């Protein structure tokens, strides 16, 4: 979970440019998903936490068979992308 949507987008772009696949966290706020548009449901509260996950969350590829070199590559890209 990044500090802002802008940070998430910057990280996503850096990872993708370095050949590391990313995905948004799509399980965030289900109320904002098009699939719920025609469903009847009740919302309790602001759903701020779900919005934060949806707006600032990101997944990137990992695998238990990654080499140390591959892990170092991901760490390097993330560190550089989020450096002040």
C-alpha atoms as a PDB file:
ATOM      1  CA  UNK A   1       0.000   0.000   0.000  1.00  0.00           C
ATOM      2  CA  UNK A   2       1.626   3.240  -1.143  1.00  0.00           C
ATOM      3  CA  UNK A   3       1.270   6.617   0.531  1.00  0.00           C
ATOM      4  CA  UNK A   4      -0.622   8.103  -2.409  1.00  0.00           C
ATOM      5  CA  UNK A   5      -2.128   7.143  -5.745  1.00  0.00           C
ATOM      6  CA  UNK A   6       0.654   9.122  -7.415  1.00  0.00           C
ATOM      7  CA  UNK A   7       3.308   7.057  -5.585  1.00  0.00           C
ATOM      8  CA  UNK A   8       1.499   3.852  -6.582  1.00  0.00           C
ATOM      9  CA  UNK A   9       1.403   4.935 -10.226  1.00  0.00           C
ATOM     10  CA  UNK A  10       5.077   5.938 -10.157  1.00  0.00           C
ATOM     11  CA  UNK A  11       5.997   2.567  -8.639  1.00  0.00           C
ATOM     12  CA  UNK A  12       3.814   0.691 -11.131  1.00  0.00           C
ATOM     13  CA  UNK A  13       5.414   2.512 -14.064  1.00  0.00           C
ATOM     14  CA  UNK A  14       8.940   1.848 -12.772  1.00  0.00           C
ATOM     15  CA  UNK A  15       8.242  -1.844 -12.191  1.00  0.00           C
ATOM     16  CA  UNK A  16       6.633  -2.297 -15.606  1.00  0.00           C
ATOM     17  CA  UNK A  17       9.510  -0.436 -17.322  1.00  0.00           C
ATOM     18  CA  UNK A  18      11.925  -2.839 -15.613  1.00  0.00           C
ATOM     19  CA  UNK A  19      10.039  -5.883 -16.897  1.00  0.00           C
ATOM     20  CA  UNK A  20       8.241  -6.651 -13.616  1.00  0.00           C
ATOM     21  CA  UNK A  21       4.531  -7.289 -14.079  1.00  0.00           C
ATOM     22  CA  UNK A  22       2.090  -5.518 -11.768  1.00  0.00           C
ATOM     23  CA  UNK A  23      -1.597  -5.733 -10.975  1.00  0.00           C
ATOM     24  CA  UNK A  24      -3.925  -3.376  -9.125  1.00  0.00           C
ATOM     25  CA  UNK A  25      -5.509  -4.592  -5.910  1.00  0.00           C
ATOM     26  CA  UNK A  26      -8.958  -5.173  -7.352  1.00  0.00           C
ATOM     27  CA  UNK A  27     -10.560  -6.441  -4.169  1.00  0.00           C
ATOM     28  CA  UNK A  28     -10.539  -2.970  -2.625  1.00  0.00           C
ATOM     29  CA  UNK A  29     -13.892  -1.231  -2.602  1.00  0.00           C
ATOM     30  CA  UNK A  30     -16.318  -3.656  -4.228  1.00  0.00           C
ATOM     31  CA  UNK A  31     -19.011  -0.956  -4.225  1.00  0.00           C
ATOM     32  CA  UNK A  32     -16.947   0.871  -6.865  1.00  0.00           C
ATOM     33  CA  UNK A  33     -16.745  -2.177  -9.131  1.00  0.00           C
ATOM     34  CA  UNK A  34     -18.939  -2.123 -12.267  1.00  0.00           C
ATOM     35  CA  UNK A  35     -20.211  -5.613 -11.415  1.00  0.00           C
ATOM     36  CA  UNK A  36     -22.097  -4.225  -8.403  1.00  0.00           C
ATOM     37  CA  UNK A  37     -23.838  -1.479 -10.376  1.00  0.00           C
ATOM     38  CA  UNK A  38     -27.127  -3.368 -10.686  1.00  0.00           C
ATOM     39  CA  UNK A  39     -26.993  -5.198  -7.355  1.00  0.00           C
ATOM     40  CA  UNK A  40     -28.987  -4.202  -4.324  1.00  0.00           C
ATOM     41  CA  UNK A  41     -26.714  -3.698  -1.309  1.00  0.00           C
ATOM     42  CA  UNK A  42     -26.307  -1.617   1.835  1.00  0.00           C
ATOM     43  CA  UNK A  43     -23.171   0.344   2.731  1.00  0.00           C
ATOM     44  CA  UNK A  44     -22.247   0.787   6.376  1.00  0.00           C
ATOM     45  CA  UNK A  45     -19.700   3.549   6.909  1.00  0.00           C
ATOM     46  CA  UNK A  46     -17.388   5.451   4.617  1.00  0.00           C
ATOM     47  CA  UNK A  47     -15.399   2.478   3.246  1.00  0.00           C
ATOM     48  CA  UNK A  48     -12.271   4.658   3.507  1.00  0.00           C
ATOM     49  CA  UNK A  49     -10.054   1.624   4.132  1.00  0.00           C
ATOM     50  CA  UNK A  50     -11.394  -0.172   1.073  1.00  0.00           C
ATOM     51  CA  UNK A  51     -10.898   2.991  -0.998  1.00  0.00           C
ATOM     52  CA  UNK A  52      -7.290   3.286   0.209  1.00  0.00           C
ATOM     53  CA  UNK A  53      -6.566  -0.303  -0.836  1.00  0.00           C
ATOM     54  CA  UNK A  54      -8.174   0.210  -4.227  1.00  0.00           C
ATOM     55  CA  UNK A  55      -6.505   3.573  -4.902  1.00  0.00           C
ATOM     56  CA  UNK A  56      -3.044   2.951  -3.428  1.00  0.00           C
ATOM     57  CA  UNK A  57      -2.501  -0.812  -3.472  1.00  0.00           C
ATOM     58  CA  UNK A  58      -0.336  -2.738  -5.923  1.00  0.00           C
ATOM     59  CA  UNK A  59       0.829  -6.304  -6.493  1.00  0.00           C
ATOM     60  CA  UNK A  60       3.976  -7.266  -8.336  1.00  0.00           C
ATOM     61  CA  UNK A  61       5.213 -10.630  -9.463  1.00  0.00           C
ATOM     62  CA  UNK A  62       6.931 -12.990  -7.049  1.00  0.00           C
ATOM     63  CA  UNK A  63       7.735 -16.660  -7.240  1.00  0.00           C
ATOM     64  CA  UNK A  64       9.319 -19.088  -4.773  1.00  0.00           C
ATOM     65  CA  UNK A  65      11.804 -20.041  -7.498  1.00  0.00           C
ATOM     66  CA  UNK A  66      13.098 -16.475  -8.008  1.00  0.00           C
ATOM     67  CA  UNK A  67      16.886 -16.248  -7.952  1.00  0.00           C
ATOM     68  CA  UNK A  68      18.722 -13.892  -5.629  1.00  0.00           C
ATOM     69  CA  UNK A  69      19.529 -11.787  -8.689  1.00  0.00           C
ATOM     70  CA  UNK A  70      15.822 -11.485  -9.568  1.00  0.00           C
ATOM     71  CA  UNK A  71      14.895 -10.549  -5.994  1.00  0.00           C
ATOM     72  CA  UNK A  72      17.691  -7.966  -5.930  1.00  0.00           C
ATOM     73  CA  UNK A  73      16.371  -6.536  -9.204  1.00  0.00           C
ATOM     74  CA  UNK A  74      12.884  -6.048  -7.715  1.00  0.00           C
ATOM     75  CA  UNK A  75      14.302  -4.525  -4.524  1.00  0.00           C
ATOM     76  CA  UNK A  76      16.489  -2.146  -6.539  1.00  0.00           C
ATOM     77  CA  UNK A  77      13.590  -0.984  -8.741  1.00  0.00           C
ATOM     78  CA  UNK A  78      11.232  -0.469  -5.785  1.00  0.00           C
ATOM     79  CA  UNK A  79      13.895   1.361  -3.767  1.00  0.00           C
ATOM     80  CA  UNK A  80      14.717   3.688  -6.647  1.00  0.00           C
ATOM     81  CA  UNK A  81      11.083   4.351  -7.499  1.00  0.00           C
ATOM     82  CA  UNK A  82      10.181   5.293  -3.923  1.00  0.00           C
ATOM     83  CA  UNK A  83      13.350   7.222  -3.086  1.00  0.00           C
ATOM     84  CA  UNK A  84      12.690  10.822  -2.045  1.00  0.00           C
END
